[in-house]
């Protein structure tokens, strides 16, 4: 167990994992809706390639944060908060320092 893992209680780890999975699910649902909307607007081959490019970018972003790891999880949770995929209140139960870090990072 590394020093980062030792700083997390079992309850905090479970809460963080649950919030992470919930935000990932929301991210996927939002992407599906966006693609359905964009697909309905396809009118040319250029539009299709733009949709392809959009999906490639989204895939890279999603795969970059699709694995739950405690090292860096505060940054990932903050990015979910910033993107509106997670509310700070959903992280109630983390200690005040961790919650404060997430809130601070989500502002930038």
Protein backbone atom coordinates (compact mmCIF):
# COMPACT_ATOMS: atom_id res chain seq x y z
CA UNK A 1 0.00 0.00 0.00
CA UNK A 2 1.48 3.35 -0.99
CA UNK A 3 1.34 6.46 1.18
CA UNK A 4 -1.58 7.91 -0.81
CA UNK A 5 -3.73 4.85 -0.25
CA UNK A 6 -2.94 4.88 3.48
CA UNK A 7 -4.45 8.36 3.78
CA UNK A 8 -7.89 7.17 2.68
CA UNK A 9 -10.32 5.42 4.98
CA UNK A 10 -12.30 2.49 3.61
CA UNK A 11 -15.43 4.65 3.74
CA UNK A 12 -13.75 7.46 1.78
CA UNK A 13 -12.49 5.01 -0.83
CA UNK A 14 -15.98 3.56 -1.25
CA UNK A 15 -17.51 7.05 -1.50
CA UNK A 16 -14.90 8.19 -4.04
CA UNK A 17 -15.35 5.04 -6.13
CA UNK A 18 -19.14 5.43 -6.11
CA UNK A 19 -18.91 9.12 -7.10
CA UNK A 20 -16.34 8.28 -9.80
CA UNK A 21 -18.53 5.55 -11.30
CA UNK A 22 -21.63 7.77 -11.15
CA UNK A 23 -19.81 10.59 -12.96
CA UNK A 24 -18.42 8.20 -15.58
CA UNK A 25 -21.93 6.89 -16.22
CA UNK A 26 -23.24 10.45 -16.55
CA UNK A 27 -20.40 11.31 -18.90
CA UNK A 28 -21.28 8.38 -21.15
CA UNK A 29 -24.96 9.27 -21.13
CA UNK A 30 -24.18 12.89 -22.03
CA UNK A 31 -21.91 11.77 -24.86
CA UNK A 32 -24.59 9.50 -26.29
CA UNK A 33 -27.09 12.37 -26.27
CA UNK A 34 -24.59 14.71 -27.93
CA UNK A 35 -23.81 12.18 -30.64
CA UNK A 36 -27.49 11.48 -31.27
CA UNK A 37 -28.06 15.21 -31.67
CA UNK A 38 -25.06 15.70 -33.95
CA UNK A 39 -25.96 12.64 -36.03
CA UNK A 40 -29.38 14.16 -36.65
CA UNK A 41 -27.68 17.23 -38.11
CA UNK A 42 -25.44 15.37 -40.54
CA UNK A 43 -25.82 16.85 -43.97
CA UNK A 44 -22.49 16.31 -45.63
CA UNK A 45 -19.41 14.16 -45.59
CA UNK A 46 -17.57 16.99 -43.84
CA UNK A 47 -20.16 16.86 -41.05
CA UNK A 48 -19.52 13.14 -40.71
CA UNK A 49 -15.75 13.66 -40.42
CA UNK A 50 -16.32 16.36 -37.81
CA UNK A 51 -18.43 13.90 -35.82
CA UNK A 52 -15.65 11.34 -36.15
CA UNK A 53 -13.10 13.86 -34.87
CA UNK A 54 -15.38 14.79 -31.98
CA UNK A 55 -15.76 11.12 -31.03
CA UNK A 56 -12.01 10.55 -31.23
CA UNK A 57 -11.38 13.45 -28.85
CA UNK A 58 -14.09 12.26 -26.48
CA UNK A 59 -12.75 8.71 -26.51
CA UNK A 60 -9.28 9.94 -25.61
CA UNK A 61 -10.66 12.06 -22.77
CA UNK A 62 -12.85 9.27 -21.40
CA UNK A 63 -10.17 6.60 -21.61
CA UNK A 64 -7.75 8.94 -19.88
CA UNK A 65 -9.87 8.89 -16.75
CA UNK A 66 -11.72 5.60 -16.97
CA UNK A 67 -9.70 3.71 -14.38
CA UNK A 68 -10.26 4.36 -10.69
CA UNK A 69 -6.93 5.01 -8.96
CA UNK A 70 -6.53 6.80 -5.66
CA UNK A 71 -3.42 8.59 -6.84
CA UNK A 72 -4.91 11.45 -8.79
CA UNK A 73 -8.54 10.76 -7.91
CA UNK A 74 -9.03 14.19 -6.37
CA UNK A 75 -8.03 15.78 -9.68
CA UNK A 76 -10.41 13.50 -11.59
CA UNK A 77 -13.27 14.20 -9.19
CA UNK A 78 -12.58 17.93 -9.51
CA UNK A 79 -12.75 17.69 -13.29
CA UNK A 80 -16.10 15.91 -13.00
CA UNK A 81 -17.38 18.69 -10.71
CA UNK A 82 -16.11 21.35 -13.11
CA UNK A 83 -17.86 19.64 -16.03
CA UNK A 84 -21.14 19.39 -14.11
CA UNK A 85 -21.03 15.59 -13.97
CA UNK A 86 -20.73 15.56 -10.18
CA UNK A 87 -21.85 17.87 -7.40
CA UNK A 88 -19.59 18.65 -4.45
CA UNK A 89 -22.41 17.50 -2.16
CA UNK A 90 -22.04 14.02 -3.62
CA UNK A 91 -18.59 13.93 -2.03
CA UNK A 92 -19.84 14.63 1.49
CA UNK A 93 -18.07 12.12 3.68
CA UNK A 94 -14.58 12.89 2.43
CA UNK A 95 -12.46 14.64 5.02
CA UNK A 96 -12.47 18.42 4.87
CA UNK A 97 -8.98 18.65 3.35
CA UNK A 98 -9.82 16.36 0.43
CA UNK A 99 -13.14 18.06 -0.17
CA UNK A 100 -11.44 21.46 -0.07
CA UNK A 101 -8.87 20.33 -2.64
CA UNK A 102 -11.59 19.09 -4.98
CA UNK A 103 -13.52 22.35 -4.61
CA UNK A 104 -10.40 24.45 -5.23
CA UNK A 105 -9.33 22.46 -8.30
CA UNK A 106 -12.85 22.54 -9.73
CA UNK A 107 -12.72 26.34 -9.83
CA UNK A 108 -9.85 26.38 -12.32
